[in-house]
Amino acid sequence: MKPSLLFALLVLTGCSTPEHYYRLSADGPAPATGSGFSLGVGPVVLPDYIDRGELVFQSSDTKFEVPYEQRWTGSLRDTTTRVVATNLARRLGTGNLHTYPWPPGTPLRYQVRIDVRQFHARSGGDAVLEASWAVEDGQSGAVLRRQAANLTEPVTQKGYDGIVAAQSRLLSQLARSIAQSFPAH
């Protein structure tokens, strides 16, 4: 490789914007493993526009932005499932928790399926979460409850940290709504 070409590549590499990584977080850990009734959470379905490695936010009524250097630490679907499951287990007092996909033959008392329709922040505004869920009997698959929620959470700090914090609080709100719709166990 010619020295001038190598120098140009090194300069261009040095000019790239560094990537920043974010993770949604639960309110705290689930109760002790194995305690309480068995609960399966998932599958969680996300819309294609957010099911990606980058954060997404809405900049106008019809426009979304994808800042490629602002990334999730892993799969948004897996993280969303884990955070909702942990928050829900805390609210329901069970540590006998399984996230989708669980091993075949796992005995479940209840399963919660979640369909997320919107989950993003609006530029200069709130973070939004629109989702529906079904609580099912873990053995028969019969739907015991089916509900939906349109939730908002203010972005209280500037930048992407504030967006991710607001989205974490939205998942806490979602777990609270699911827990309130849960059948007596």
Protein backbone atom coordinates (compact mmCIF):
# COMPACT_ATOMS: atom_id res chain seq x y z
CA MET A 1 0.00 0.00 0.00
CA LYS A 2 1.37 3.44 -0.88
CA PRO A 3 2.34 5.59 2.12
CA SER A 4 0.04 8.44 0.99
CA LEU A 5 -2.97 6.08 0.79
CA LEU A 6 -2.16 4.60 4.20
CA PHE A 7 -1.88 8.11 5.68
CA ALA A 8 -5.28 9.08 4.16
CA LEU A 9 -6.91 5.98 5.64
CA LEU A 10 -5.45 6.69 9.07
CA VAL A 11 -6.67 10.32 8.95
CA LEU A 12 -10.19 9.26 7.90
CA THR A 13 -10.31 6.63 10.64
CA GLY A 14 -9.33 9.22 13.22
CA CYS A 15 -12.14 11.55 12.08
CA SER A 16 -14.97 9.10 12.69
CA THR A 17 -17.48 9.87 15.40
CA PRO A 18 -17.13 7.56 18.42
CA GLU A 19 -19.99 5.22 19.14
CA HIS A 20 -21.91 5.48 22.41
CA TYR A 21 -23.74 2.49 23.87
CA TYR A 22 -26.93 2.49 25.96
CA ARG A 23 -28.94 -0.09 27.89
CA LEU A 24 -32.46 0.00 29.26
CA SER A 25 -32.63 -0.76 32.98
CA ALA A 26 -35.11 -2.38 35.35
CA ASP A 27 -36.23 -0.85 38.67
CA GLY A 28 -34.11 -3.41 40.48
CA PRO A 29 -33.53 -7.16 40.58
CA ALA A 30 -36.33 -9.72 40.48
CA PRO A 31 -37.12 -11.61 43.71
CA ALA A 32 -34.99 -14.62 44.63
CA THR A 33 -34.73 -17.19 41.85
CA GLY A 34 -37.22 -20.02 42.08
CA SER A 35 -39.63 -18.37 44.55
CA GLY A 36 -43.30 -17.82 43.70
CA PHE A 37 -45.40 -18.98 40.76
CA SER A 38 -43.79 -19.60 37.35
CA LEU A 39 -44.07 -16.69 34.93
CA GLY A 40 -42.98 -16.59 31.31
CA VAL A 41 -42.58 -13.22 29.58
CA GLY A 42 -42.52 -13.15 25.80
CA PRO A 43 -42.41 -13.18 23.02
CA VAL A 44 -42.16 -9.40 22.83
CA VAL A 45 -42.80 -8.08 19.32
CA LEU A 46 -41.24 -4.75 18.29
CA PRO A 47 -41.97 -2.75 15.15
CA ASP A 48 -39.25 -2.85 12.51
CA TYR A 49 -38.50 0.87 12.77
CA ILE A 50 -37.07 0.45 16.30
CA ASP A 51 -35.91 -3.17 16.19
CA ARG A 52 -32.38 -2.20 15.24
CA GLY A 53 -28.97 -1.56 16.80
CA GLU A 54 -29.36 2.22 16.91
CA LEU A 55 -31.56 4.46 19.03
CA VAL A 56 -34.45 6.03 17.12
CA PHE A 57 -36.26 9.26 17.88
CA GLN A 58 -39.04 11.21 16.23
CA SER A 59 -37.96 14.68 15.06
CA SER A 60 -41.31 15.80 13.55
CA ASP A 61 -44.79 14.40 12.94
CA THR A 62 -43.58 12.37 9.98
CA LYS A 63 -39.81 12.17 10.38
CA PHE A 64 -37.61 9.84 12.43
CA GLU A 65 -33.88 10.15 13.07
CA VAL A 66 -31.41 7.30 13.47
CA PRO A 67 -28.13 8.61 14.90
CA TYR A 68 -25.83 5.76 13.90
CA GLU A 69 -23.26 6.47 16.61
CA GLN A 70 -25.91 6.12 19.38
CA ARG A 71 -26.37 2.36 19.79
CA TRP A 72 -27.98 -0.22 22.05
CA THR A 73 -25.59 -2.55 23.90
CA GLY A 74 -27.40 -5.59 22.50
CA SER A 75 -30.70 -6.67 21.04
CA LEU A 76 -33.44 -4.16 21.88
CA ARG A 77 -36.03 -6.95 21.80
CA ASP A 78 -34.07 -9.08 24.30
CA THR A 79 -33.36 -6.13 26.58
CA THR A 80 -36.99 -4.97 26.49
CA THR A 81 -38.12 -8.50 27.37
CA ARG A 82 -35.64 -8.74 30.24
CA VAL A 83 -36.50 -5.33 31.70
CA VAL A 84 -40.29 -5.84 31.53
CA ALA A 85 -39.94 -9.36 32.94
CA THR A 86 -37.79 -8.18 35.87
CA ASN A 87 -40.10 -5.26 36.67
CA LEU A 88 -43.17 -7.48 36.39
CA ALA A 89 -41.66 -10.21 38.60
CA ARG A 90 -40.87 -7.57 41.26
CA ARG A 91 -44.45 -6.29 41.19
CA LEU A 92 -45.96 -9.79 41.31
CA GLY A 93 -43.50 -11.12 43.89
CA THR A 94 -42.17 -14.04 41.89
CA GLY A 95 -38.61 -15.06 41.19
CA ASN A 96 -39.69 -18.10 39.17
CA LEU A 97 -39.18 -16.09 35.99
CA HIS A 98 -38.53 -17.19 32.41
CA THR A 99 -37.92 -15.00 29.38
CA TYR A 100 -38.74 -16.08 25.87
CA PRO A 101 -37.51 -18.37 24.45
CA TRP A 102 -37.48 -20.75 27.40
CA PRO A 103 -36.58 -24.45 27.11
CA PRO A 104 -39.33 -26.75 25.81
CA GLY A 105 -41.35 -28.30 28.61
CA THR A 106 -40.78 -25.42 31.04
CA PRO A 107 -43.83 -25.47 33.35
CA LEU A 108 -45.47 -22.03 33.39
CA ARG A 109 -48.41 -20.87 35.46
CA TYR A 110 -48.78 -17.71 33.33
CA GLN A 111 -47.33 -16.35 30.12
CA VAL A 112 -47.37 -12.68 29.09
CA ARG A 113 -47.13 -11.86 25.38
CA ILE A 114 -46.44 -8.24 24.46
CA ASP A 115 -46.93 -6.42 21.16
CA VAL A 116 -45.17 -3.04 21.12
CA ARG A 117 -46.47 -0.64 18.46
CA GLN A 118 -44.47 2.48 19.36
CA PHE A 119 -41.43 2.95 21.58
CA HIS A 120 -39.37 6.06 20.96
CA ALA A 121 -38.75 9.62 22.12
CA ARG A 122 -40.03 12.75 20.42
CA SER A 123 -37.54 15.54 19.86
CA GLY A 124 -38.09 18.19 22.51
CA GLY A 125 -40.89 16.17 24.09
CA ASP A 126 -41.77 12.94 25.79
CA ALA A 127 -40.89 9.31 25.26
CA VAL A 128 -43.87 7.21 24.14
CA LEU A 129 -44.82 3.56 24.43
CA GLU A 130 -47.90 2.03 22.88
CA ALA A 131 -48.35 -1.66 23.56
CA SER A 132 -50.90 -4.40 24.03
CA TRP A 133 -50.49 -7.59 26.00
CA ALA A 134 -52.18 -10.86 26.73
CA VAL A 135 -51.90 -12.78 29.99
CA GLU A 136 -52.34 -16.47 29.20
CA ASP A 137 -52.74 -19.63 31.22
CA GLY A 138 -49.31 -21.26 30.96
CA GLN A 139 -50.70 -24.76 30.52
CA SER A 140 -53.69 -24.34 28.20
CA GLY A 141 -52.69 -21.11 26.43
CA ALA A 142 -56.15 -19.66 27.11
CA VAL A 143 -56.16 -15.86 27.19
CA LEU A 144 -57.10 -14.71 30.69
CA ARG A 145 -56.71 -10.94 30.12
CA ARG A 146 -56.03 -8.79 27.10
CA GLN A 147 -55.31 -5.06 27.44
CA ALA A 148 -53.46 -2.14 25.87
CA ALA A 149 -51.84 1.07 27.05
CA ASN A 150 -50.60 4.33 25.55
CA LEU A 151 -47.93 5.62 27.91
CA THR A 152 -45.79 8.76 27.96
CA GLU A 153 -42.83 9.73 30.09
CA PRO A 154 -41.07 13.10 30.15
CA VAL A 155 -37.45 13.22 29.05
CA THR A 156 -36.08 15.01 32.13
CA GLN A 157 -32.42 15.19 31.25
CA LYS A 158 -30.74 16.30 28.05
CA GLY A 159 -29.25 14.03 25.47
CA TYR A 160 -29.54 10.35 24.73
CA ASP A 161 -29.01 9.42 28.39
CA GLY A 162 -32.29 11.22 29.12
CA ILE A 163 -34.09 9.41 26.30
CA VAL A 164 -32.94 5.98 27.50
CA ALA A 165 -33.82 6.82 31.12
CA ALA A 166 -37.34 7.88 30.03
CA GLN A 167 -37.72 4.68 27.99
CA SER A 168 -36.67 2.61 31.03
CA ARG A 169 -39.36 4.39 33.08
CA LEU A 170 -41.88 3.60 30.33
CA LEU A 171 -41.07 -0.11 30.65
CA SER A 172 -41.64 0.23 34.40
CA GLN A 173 -45.03 1.82 33.71
CA LEU A 174 -45.85 -1.02 31.30
CA ALA A 175 -44.97 -3.65 33.92
CA ARG A 176 -47.17 -1.81 36.44
CA SER A 177 -50.11 -1.82 33.99
CA ILE A 178 -49.63 -5.52 33.23
CA ALA A 179 -49.40 -6.38 36.93
CA GLN A 180 -52.64 -4.47 37.64
CA SER A 181 -54.42 -6.49 34.93
CA PHE A 182 -53.08 -9.80 36.24
CA PRO A 183 -55.49 -12.46 37.50
CA ALA A 184 -55.38 -13.35 41.19
CA HIS A 185 -52.84 -16.14 41.71
